Full PDB file with SEQRES, HELIX, SHEET, SSBOND, CRYST1, ORIGX, SCALE, CONECT and MASTER records, all heavy atoms in Angstrom:
SEQRES   1 A   32  VAL GLN THR ASN THR PRO LEU LYS ARG LEU VAL LYS GLN          
SEQRES   2 A   32  PRO LEU LYS ALA PHE ASP ASP LEU LEU GLY GLU LYS GLY          
SEQRES   3 A   32  SER LEU LEU THR HIS GLN                                      
HELIX    1 AA1 SER A   27  HIS A   31  1                                   5    
CRYST1    1.000    1.000    1.000  90.00  90.00  90.00 P 1           1          
ORIGX1      1.000000  0.000000  0.000000        0.00000                         
ORIGX2      0.000000  1.000000  0.000000        0.00000                         
ORIGX3      0.000000  0.000000  1.000000        0.00000                         
SCALE1      1.000000  0.000000  0.000000        0.00000                         
SCALE2      0.000000  1.000000  0.000000        0.00000                         
SCALE3      0.000000  0.000000  1.000000        0.00000                         
ATOM      1  N   VAL A   1      -2.903  -9.338  24.561  1.00  0.00           N  
ATOM      2  CA  VAL A   1      -3.892  -8.608  25.410  1.00  0.00           C  
ATOM      3  C   VAL A   1      -5.168  -8.211  24.669  1.00  0.00           C  
ATOM      4  O   VAL A   1      -6.276  -8.220  25.162  1.00  0.00           O  
ATOM      5  CB  VAL A   1      -3.128  -7.367  25.995  1.00  0.00           C  
ATOM      6  CG1 VAL A   1      -4.047  -6.554  26.839  1.00  0.00           C  
ATOM      7  CG2 VAL A   1      -1.953  -7.724  26.696  1.00  0.00           C  
ATOM      8  N   GLN A   2      -5.034  -7.786  23.407  1.00  0.00           N  
ATOM      9  CA  GLN A   2      -6.189  -7.291  22.596  1.00  0.00           C  
ATOM     10  C   GLN A   2      -6.507  -8.236  21.488  1.00  0.00           C  
ATOM     11  O   GLN A   2      -7.279  -7.858  20.585  1.00  0.00           O  
ATOM     12  CB  GLN A   2      -5.863  -5.881  22.099  1.00  0.00           C  
ATOM     13  CG  GLN A   2      -5.637  -4.886  23.189  1.00  0.00           C  
ATOM     14  CD  GLN A   2      -5.326  -3.483  22.589  1.00  0.00           C  
ATOM     15  OE1 GLN A   2      -4.920  -3.389  21.482  1.00  0.00           O  
ATOM     16  NE2 GLN A   2      -5.551  -2.442  23.471  1.00  0.00           N  
ATOM     17  N   THR A   3      -5.978  -9.365  21.453  1.00  0.00           N  
ATOM     18  CA  THR A   3      -6.262 -10.358  20.342  1.00  0.00           C  
ATOM     19  C   THR A   3      -6.709 -11.650  20.885  1.00  0.00           C  
ATOM     20  O   THR A   3      -6.530 -11.873  22.177  1.00  0.00           O  
ATOM     21  CB  THR A   3      -5.013 -10.670  19.520  1.00  0.00           C  
ATOM     22  OG1 THR A   3      -4.045 -11.315  20.352  1.00  0.00           O  
ATOM     23  CG2 THR A   3      -4.407  -9.362  18.922  1.00  0.00           C  
ATOM     24  N   ASN A   4      -7.432 -12.481  20.118  1.00  0.00           N  
ATOM     25  CA  ASN A   4      -7.815 -13.827  20.575  1.00  0.00           C  
ATOM     26  C   ASN A   4      -7.079 -14.893  19.834  1.00  0.00           C  
ATOM     27  O   ASN A   4      -7.796 -15.958  19.589  1.00  0.00           O  
ATOM     28  CB  ASN A   4      -9.350 -13.889  20.355  1.00  0.00           C  
ATOM     29  CG  ASN A   4     -10.134 -12.962  21.243  1.00  0.00           C  
ATOM     30  OD1 ASN A   4      -9.751 -12.874  22.433  1.00  0.00           O  
ATOM     31  ND2 ASN A   4     -11.140 -12.226  20.778  1.00  0.00           N  
ATOM     32  N   THR A   5      -5.853 -14.648  19.473  1.00  0.00           N  
ATOM     33  CA  THR A   5      -5.166 -15.738  18.820  1.00  0.00           C  
ATOM     34  C   THR A   5      -4.892 -16.902  19.757  1.00  0.00           C  
ATOM     35  O   THR A   5      -4.353 -16.592  20.874  1.00  0.00           O  
ATOM     36  CB  THR A   5      -3.801 -15.138  18.312  1.00  0.00           C  
ATOM     37  OG1 THR A   5      -3.930 -14.005  17.537  1.00  0.00           O  
ATOM     38  CG2 THR A   5      -3.045 -16.185  17.505  1.00  0.00           C  
ATOM     39  N   PRO A   6      -5.177 -18.048  19.510  1.00  0.00           N  
ATOM     40  CA  PRO A   6      -4.934 -19.258  20.335  1.00  0.00           C  
ATOM     41  C   PRO A   6      -3.524 -19.405  20.638  1.00  0.00           C  
ATOM     42  O   PRO A   6      -2.687 -19.175  19.783  1.00  0.00           O  
ATOM     43  CB  PRO A   6      -5.557 -20.380  19.539  1.00  0.00           C  
ATOM     44  CG  PRO A   6      -6.458 -19.881  18.443  1.00  0.00           C  
ATOM     45  CD  PRO A   6      -5.865 -18.493  18.162  1.00  0.00           C  
ATOM     46  N   LEU A   7      -3.247 -19.763  21.909  1.00  0.00           N  
ATOM     47  CA  LEU A   7      -1.902 -20.096  22.270  1.00  0.00           C  
ATOM     48  C   LEU A   7      -1.534 -21.549  21.853  1.00  0.00           C  
ATOM     49  O   LEU A   7      -2.050 -22.414  22.339  1.00  0.00           O  
ATOM     50  CB  LEU A   7      -1.779 -19.961  23.848  1.00  0.00           C  
ATOM     51  CG  LEU A   7      -2.018 -18.524  24.417  1.00  0.00           C  
ATOM     52  CD1 LEU A   7      -2.003 -18.610  25.976  1.00  0.00           C  
ATOM     53  CD2 LEU A   7      -1.024 -17.628  23.892  1.00  0.00           C  
ATOM     54  N   LYS A   8      -0.606 -21.632  20.884  1.00  0.00           N  
ATOM     55  CA  LYS A   8      -0.234 -22.865  20.392  1.00  0.00           C  
ATOM     56  C   LYS A   8       1.277 -23.099  20.571  1.00  0.00           C  
ATOM     57  O   LYS A   8       1.778 -23.733  21.458  1.00  0.00           O  
ATOM     58  CB  LYS A   8      -0.653 -23.043  18.913  1.00  0.00           C  
ATOM     59  CG  LYS A   8      -2.220 -23.139  18.817  1.00  0.00           C  
ATOM     60  CD  LYS A   8      -2.525 -23.413  17.338  1.00  0.00           C  
ATOM     61  CE  LYS A   8      -4.076 -23.451  17.183  1.00  0.00           C  
ATOM     62  NZ  LYS A   8      -4.453 -23.751  15.730  1.00  0.00           N  
ATOM     63  N   ARG A   9       2.037 -22.601  19.579  1.00  0.00           N  
ATOM     64  CA  ARG A   9       3.474 -22.875  19.452  1.00  0.00           C  
ATOM     65  C   ARG A   9       4.234 -22.297  20.738  1.00  0.00           C  
ATOM     66  O   ARG A   9       3.965 -21.206  21.089  1.00  0.00           O  
ATOM     67  CB  ARG A   9       4.019 -22.215  18.238  1.00  0.00           C  
ATOM     68  CG  ARG A   9       5.452 -22.630  17.874  1.00  0.00           C  
ATOM     69  CD  ARG A   9       5.846 -22.108  16.482  1.00  0.00           C  
ATOM     70  NE  ARG A   9       5.833 -20.561  16.557  1.00  0.00           N  
ATOM     71  CZ  ARG A   9       6.184 -19.847  15.549  1.00  0.00           C  
ATOM     72  NH1 ARG A   9       6.405 -20.356  14.351  1.00  0.00           N  
ATOM     73  NH2 ARG A   9       6.210 -18.631  15.695  1.00  0.00           N  
ATOM     74  N   LEU A  10       5.011 -23.152  21.223  1.00  0.00           N  
ATOM     75  CA  LEU A  10       5.824 -22.888  22.452  1.00  0.00           C  
ATOM     76  C   LEU A  10       5.084 -22.775  23.743  1.00  0.00           C  
ATOM     77  O   LEU A  10       5.650 -22.712  24.845  1.00  0.00           O  
ATOM     78  CB  LEU A  10       6.697 -21.561  22.247  1.00  0.00           C  
ATOM     79  CG  LEU A  10       7.843 -21.629  21.256  1.00  0.00           C  
ATOM     80  CD1 LEU A  10       8.309 -20.239  21.061  1.00  0.00           C  
ATOM     81  CD2 LEU A  10       9.023 -22.457  21.876  1.00  0.00           C  
ATOM     82  N   VAL A  11       3.801 -22.842  23.686  1.00  0.00           N  
ATOM     83  CA  VAL A  11       2.920 -22.786  24.827  1.00  0.00           C  
ATOM     84  C   VAL A  11       2.108 -24.011  25.091  1.00  0.00           C  
ATOM     85  O   VAL A  11       2.365 -24.845  26.013  1.00  0.00           O  
ATOM     86  CB  VAL A  11       1.894 -21.520  24.814  1.00  0.00           C  
ATOM     87  CG1 VAL A  11       1.226 -21.388  26.157  1.00  0.00           C  
ATOM     88  CG2 VAL A  11       2.754 -20.240  24.538  1.00  0.00           C  
ATOM     89  N   LYS A  12       1.127 -24.243  24.203  1.00  0.00           N  
ATOM     90  CA  LYS A  12       0.336 -25.486  24.310  1.00  0.00           C  
ATOM     91  C   LYS A  12       0.854 -26.577  23.477  1.00  0.00           C  
ATOM     92  O   LYS A  12       0.584 -27.737  23.721  1.00  0.00           O  
ATOM     93  CB  LYS A  12      -1.122 -25.127  23.826  1.00  0.00           C  
ATOM     94  CG  LYS A  12      -1.821 -23.999  24.636  1.00  0.00           C  
ATOM     95  CD  LYS A  12      -2.147 -24.487  26.099  1.00  0.00           C  
ATOM     96  CE  LYS A  12      -2.860 -23.369  26.786  1.00  0.00           C  
ATOM     97  NZ  LYS A  12      -3.082 -23.758  28.213  1.00  0.00           N  
ATOM     98  N   GLN A  13       1.685 -26.293  22.435  1.00  0.00           N  
ATOM     99  CA  GLN A  13       2.226 -27.272  21.580  1.00  0.00           C  
ATOM    100  C   GLN A  13       3.728 -27.028  21.439  1.00  0.00           C  
ATOM    101  O   GLN A  13       4.193 -25.910  21.508  1.00  0.00           O  
ATOM    102  CB  GLN A  13       1.599 -27.101  20.179  1.00  0.00           C  
ATOM    103  CG  GLN A  13       0.108 -27.423  20.194  1.00  0.00           C  
ATOM    104  CD  GLN A  13      -0.523 -27.211  18.808  1.00  0.00           C  
ATOM    105  OE1 GLN A  13       0.119 -26.801  17.784  1.00  0.00           O  
ATOM    106  NE2 GLN A  13      -1.842 -27.358  18.721  1.00  0.00           N  
ATOM    107  N   PRO A  14       4.450 -28.061  21.257  1.00  0.00           N  
ATOM    108  CA  PRO A  14       5.934 -27.941  21.110  1.00  0.00           C  
ATOM    109  C   PRO A  14       6.274 -27.297  19.758  1.00  0.00           C  
ATOM    110  O   PRO A  14       5.646 -27.535  18.826  1.00  0.00           O  
ATOM    111  CB  PRO A  14       6.499 -29.415  21.293  1.00  0.00           C  
ATOM    112  CG  PRO A  14       5.396 -30.220  20.740  1.00  0.00           C  
ATOM    113  CD  PRO A  14       4.091 -29.496  21.192  1.00  0.00           C  
ATOM    114  N   LEU A  15       7.392 -26.542  19.813  1.00  0.00           N  
ATOM    115  CA  LEU A  15       7.985 -26.039  18.603  1.00  0.00           C  
ATOM    116  C   LEU A  15       8.971 -27.053  17.979  1.00  0.00           C  
ATOM    117  O   LEU A  15       9.906 -27.418  18.625  1.00  0.00           O  
ATOM    118  CB  LEU A  15       8.721 -24.704  18.884  1.00  0.00           C  
ATOM    119  CG  LEU A  15       9.528 -24.064  17.631  1.00  0.00           C  
ATOM    120  CD1 LEU A  15       8.595 -23.805  16.549  1.00  0.00           C  
ATOM    121  CD2 LEU A  15      10.331 -22.966  18.077  1.00  0.00           C  
ATOM    122  N   LYS A  16       8.616 -27.614  16.818  1.00  0.00           N  
ATOM    123  CA  LYS A  16       9.352 -28.685  16.224  1.00  0.00           C  
ATOM    124  C   LYS A  16      10.050 -28.254  14.876  1.00  0.00           C  
ATOM    125  O   LYS A  16      10.742 -29.095  14.323  1.00  0.00           O  
ATOM    126  CB  LYS A  16       8.545 -29.948  16.001  1.00  0.00           C  
ATOM    127  CG  LYS A  16       8.062 -30.573  17.283  1.00  0.00           C  
ATOM    128  CD  LYS A  16       7.225 -31.872  16.984  1.00  0.00           C  
ATOM    129  CE  LYS A  16       6.863 -32.676  18.220  1.00  0.00           C  
ATOM    130  NZ  LYS A  16       6.260 -33.972  17.981  1.00  0.00           N  
ATOM    131  N   ALA A  17       9.766 -27.012  14.465  1.00  0.00           N  
ATOM    132  CA  ALA A  17      10.373 -26.452  13.162  1.00  0.00           C  
ATOM    133  C   ALA A  17      11.617 -25.659  13.711  1.00  0.00           C  
ATOM    134  O   ALA A  17      11.535 -24.661  14.185  1.00  0.00           O  
ATOM    135  CB  ALA A  17       9.410 -25.614  12.523  1.00  0.00           C  
ATOM    136  N   PHE A  18      12.801 -26.229  13.466  1.00  0.00           N  
ATOM    137  CA  PHE A  18      14.043 -25.713  13.938  1.00  0.00           C  
ATOM    138  C   PHE A  18      14.854 -24.975  12.877  1.00  0.00           C  
ATOM    139  O   PHE A  18      16.003 -24.616  13.076  1.00  0.00           O  
ATOM    140  CB  PHE A  18      14.988 -26.785  14.553  1.00  0.00           C  
ATOM    141  CG  PHE A  18      14.310 -27.619  15.580  1.00  0.00           C  
ATOM    142  CD1 PHE A  18      14.179 -29.082  15.373  1.00  0.00           C  
ATOM    143  CD2 PHE A  18      13.624 -27.157  16.635  1.00  0.00           C  
ATOM    144  CE1 PHE A  18      13.552 -29.871  16.289  1.00  0.00           C  
ATOM    145  CE2 PHE A  18      13.019 -27.923  17.555  1.00  0.00           C  
ATOM    146  CZ  PHE A  18      12.881 -29.309  17.382  1.00  0.00           C  
ATOM    147  N   ASP A  19      14.251 -24.736  11.732  1.00  0.00           N  
ATOM    148  CA  ASP A  19      14.997 -24.083  10.615  1.00  0.00           C  
ATOM    149  C   ASP A  19      14.986 -22.552  10.709  1.00  0.00           C  
ATOM    150  O   ASP A  19      15.863 -21.939  10.025  1.00  0.00           O  
ATOM    151  CB  ASP A  19      14.347 -24.554   9.240  1.00  0.00           C  
ATOM    152  CG  ASP A  19      12.895 -24.224   9.167  1.00  0.00           C  
ATOM    153  OD1 ASP A  19      12.194 -24.451  10.181  1.00  0.00           O  
ATOM    154  OD2 ASP A  19      12.367 -23.816   8.117  1.00  0.00           O  
ATOM    155  N   ASP A  20      14.072 -21.972  11.493  1.00  0.00           N  
ATOM    156  CA  ASP A  20      14.056 -20.453  11.526  1.00  0.00           C  
ATOM    157  C   ASP A  20      13.808 -20.046  12.973  1.00  0.00           C  
ATOM    158  O   ASP A  20      12.829 -19.474  13.343  1.00  0.00           O  
ATOM    159  CB  ASP A  20      12.929 -19.968  10.622  1.00  0.00           C  
ATOM    160  CG  ASP A  20      12.937 -18.447  10.491  1.00  0.00           C  
ATOM    161  OD1 ASP A  20      14.011 -17.889  10.702  1.00  0.00           O  
ATOM    162  OD2 ASP A  20      11.923 -17.948  10.245  1.00  0.00           O  
ATOM    163  N   LEU A  21      14.848 -20.350  13.814  1.00  0.00           N  
ATOM    164  CA  LEU A  21      14.709 -20.044  15.245  1.00  0.00           C  
ATOM    165  C   LEU A  21      15.303 -18.657  15.542  1.00  0.00           C  
ATOM    166  O   LEU A  21      14.585 -17.935  16.352  1.00  0.00           O  
ATOM    167  CB  LEU A  21      15.459 -21.112  16.091  1.00  0.00           C  
ATOM    168  CG  LEU A  21      14.846 -22.496  16.016  1.00  0.00           C  
ATOM    169  CD1 LEU A  21      15.679 -23.386  16.923  1.00  0.00           C  
ATOM    170  CD2 LEU A  21      13.409 -22.523  16.471  1.00  0.00           C  
ATOM    171  N   LEU A  22      16.379 -18.280  15.044  1.00  0.00           N  
ATOM    172  CA  LEU A  22      17.071 -17.049  15.337  1.00  0.00           C  
ATOM    173  C   LEU A  22      16.681 -15.913  14.329  1.00  0.00           C  
ATOM    174  O   LEU A  22      16.080 -16.140  13.330  1.00  0.00           O  
ATOM    175  CB  LEU A  22      18.612 -17.269  15.433  1.00  0.00           C  
ATOM    176  CG  LEU A  22      18.976 -18.367  16.477  1.00  0.00           C  
ATOM    177  CD1 LEU A  22      20.560 -18.530  16.495  1.00  0.00           C  
ATOM    178  CD2 LEU A  22      18.525 -18.018  17.894  1.00  0.00           C  
ATOM    179  N   GLY A  23      17.364 -14.757  14.514  1.00  0.00           N  
ATOM    180  CA  GLY A  23      17.057 -13.648  13.629  1.00  0.00           C  
ATOM    181  C   GLY A  23      15.915 -12.855  14.136  1.00  0.00           C  
ATOM    182  O   GLY A  23      15.101 -13.314  14.944  1.00  0.00           O  
ATOM    183  N   GLU A  24      15.832 -11.573  13.543  1.00  0.00           N  
ATOM    184  CA  GLU A  24      14.758 -10.661  14.036  1.00  0.00           C  
ATOM    185  C   GLU A  24      13.325 -11.260  13.809  1.00  0.00           C  
ATOM    186  O   GLU A  24      12.389 -10.961  14.552  1.00  0.00           O  
ATOM    187  CB  GLU A  24      14.867  -9.357  13.295  1.00  0.00           C  
ATOM    188  CG  GLU A  24      15.971  -8.469  13.788  1.00  0.00           C  
ATOM    189  CD  GLU A  24      15.773  -8.130  15.287  1.00  0.00           C  
ATOM    190  OE1 GLU A  24      14.593  -7.738  15.662  1.00  0.00           O  
ATOM    191  OE2 GLU A  24      16.757  -8.187  16.110  1.00  0.00           O  
ATOM    192  N   LYS A  25      13.086 -11.956  12.694  1.00  0.00           N  
ATOM    193  CA  LYS A  25      11.916 -12.606  12.416  1.00  0.00           C  
ATOM    194  C   LYS A  25      11.820 -14.075  12.767  1.00  0.00           C  
ATOM    195  O   LYS A  25      10.876 -14.789  12.393  1.00  0.00           O  
ATOM    196  CB  LYS A  25      11.479 -12.389  10.963  1.00  0.00           C  
ATOM    197  CG  LYS A  25      11.327 -10.901  10.504  1.00  0.00           C  
ATOM    198  CD  LYS A  25      10.969 -10.776   9.090  1.00  0.00           C  
ATOM    199  CE  LYS A  25      10.782  -9.381   8.727  1.00  0.00           C  
ATOM    200  NZ  LYS A  25      10.368  -9.202   7.249  1.00  0.00           N  
ATOM    201  N   GLY A  26      12.773 -14.502  13.575  1.00  0.00           N  
ATOM    202  CA  GLY A  26      12.790 -15.927  13.926  1.00  0.00           C  
ATOM    203  C   GLY A  26      11.800 -16.165  14.968  1.00  0.00           C  
ATOM    204  O   GLY A  26      11.230 -15.393  15.660  1.00  0.00           O  
ATOM    205  N   SER A  27      11.473 -17.556  15.172  1.00  0.00           N  
ATOM    206  CA  SER A  27      10.432 -17.908  16.010  1.00  0.00           C  
ATOM    207  C   SER A  27      10.658 -17.477  17.491  1.00  0.00           C  
ATOM    208  O   SER A  27       9.791 -17.176  18.239  1.00  0.00           O  
ATOM    209  CB  SER A  27      10.169 -19.428  15.982  1.00  0.00           C  
ATOM    210  OG  SER A  27       9.979 -19.843  14.638  1.00  0.00           O  
ATOM    211  N   LEU A  28      11.952 -17.662  17.970  1.00  0.00           N  
ATOM    212  CA  LEU A  28      12.251 -17.316  19.357  1.00  0.00           C  
ATOM    213  C   LEU A  28      12.200 -15.879  19.784  1.00  0.00           C  
ATOM    214  O   LEU A  28      11.513 -15.483  20.768  1.00  0.00           O  
ATOM    215  CB  LEU A  28      13.631 -17.903  19.696  1.00  0.00           C  
ATOM    216  CG  LEU A  28      13.842 -19.424  19.471  1.00  0.00           C  
ATOM    217  CD1 LEU A  28      15.139 -19.859  19.835  1.00  0.00           C  
ATOM    218  CD2 LEU A  28      12.762 -20.191  20.183  1.00  0.00           C  
ATOM    219  N   LEU A  29      12.743 -15.024  18.903  1.00  0.00           N  
ATOM    220  CA  LEU A  29      12.734 -13.465  19.156  1.00  0.00           C  
ATOM    221  C   LEU A  29      11.286 -13.021  18.965  1.00  0.00           C  
ATOM    222  O   LEU A  29      10.799 -12.164  19.776  1.00  0.00           O  
ATOM    223  CB  LEU A  29      13.623 -12.731  18.263  1.00  0.00           C  
ATOM    224  CG  LEU A  29      15.063 -12.767  18.706  1.00  0.00           C  
ATOM    225  CD1 LEU A  29      15.911 -12.124  17.641  1.00  0.00           C  
ATOM    226  CD2 LEU A  29      15.347 -12.197  20.000  1.00  0.00           C  
ATOM    227  N   THR A  30      10.502 -13.564  17.991  1.00  0.00           N  
ATOM    228  CA  THR A  30       9.103 -13.142  17.811  1.00  0.00           C  
ATOM    229  C   THR A  30       8.261 -13.483  19.084  1.00  0.00           C  
ATOM    230  O   THR A  30       7.519 -12.690  19.548  1.00  0.00           O  
ATOM    231  CB  THR A  30       8.555 -13.933  16.595  1.00  0.00           C  
ATOM    232  OG1 THR A  30       9.336 -13.525  15.462  1.00  0.00           O  
ATOM    233  CG2 THR A  30       7.072 -13.473  16.432  1.00  0.00           C  
ATOM    234  N   HIS A  31       8.552 -14.705  19.697  1.00  0.00           N  
ATOM    235  CA  HIS A  31       7.770 -15.066  20.895  1.00  0.00           C  
ATOM    236  C   HIS A  31       8.201 -14.187  22.052  1.00  0.00           C  
ATOM    237  O   HIS A  31       7.319 -13.756  22.856  1.00  0.00           O  
ATOM    238  CB  HIS A  31       8.058 -16.510  21.183  1.00  0.00           C  
ATOM    239  CG  HIS A  31       7.462 -16.959  22.477  1.00  0.00           C  
ATOM    240  ND1 HIS A  31       6.096 -17.311  22.524  1.00  0.00           N  
ATOM    241  CD2 HIS A  31       7.937 -17.102  23.659  1.00  0.00           C  
ATOM    242  CE1 HIS A  31       5.798 -17.714  23.760  1.00  0.00           C  
ATOM    243  NE2 HIS A  31       6.863 -17.553  24.489  1.00  0.00           N  
ATOM    244  N   GLN A  32       9.443 -13.880  22.180  1.00  0.00           N  
ATOM    245  CA  GLN A  32       9.914 -13.038  23.248  1.00  0.00           C  
ATOM    246  C   GLN A  32       9.376 -11.715  23.335  1.00  0.00           C  
ATOM    247  O   GLN A  32       9.270 -11.117  24.408  1.00  0.00           O  
ATOM    248  CB  GLN A  32      11.560 -13.006  23.191  1.00  0.00           C  
ATOM    249  CG  GLN A  32      12.165 -12.418  24.399  1.00  0.00           C  
ATOM    250  CD  GLN A  32      13.636 -12.592  24.339  1.00  0.00           C  
ATOM    251  OE1 GLN A  32      14.228 -13.488  24.994  1.00  0.00           O  
ATOM    252  NE2 GLN A  32      14.357 -11.697  23.569  1.00  0.00           N  
TER     253      GLN A  32                                                      
MASTER        0    0    0    1    0    0    0    6  252    1    0    3          
END                                                                             
């Protein structure tokens, strides 16, 4: 809402790094 970070991973581009998906700092929970 208050940042101008480009939408890339999981939105405009596919997520292809599957080594750190879960966990509190994992890609999926961070996106959620």
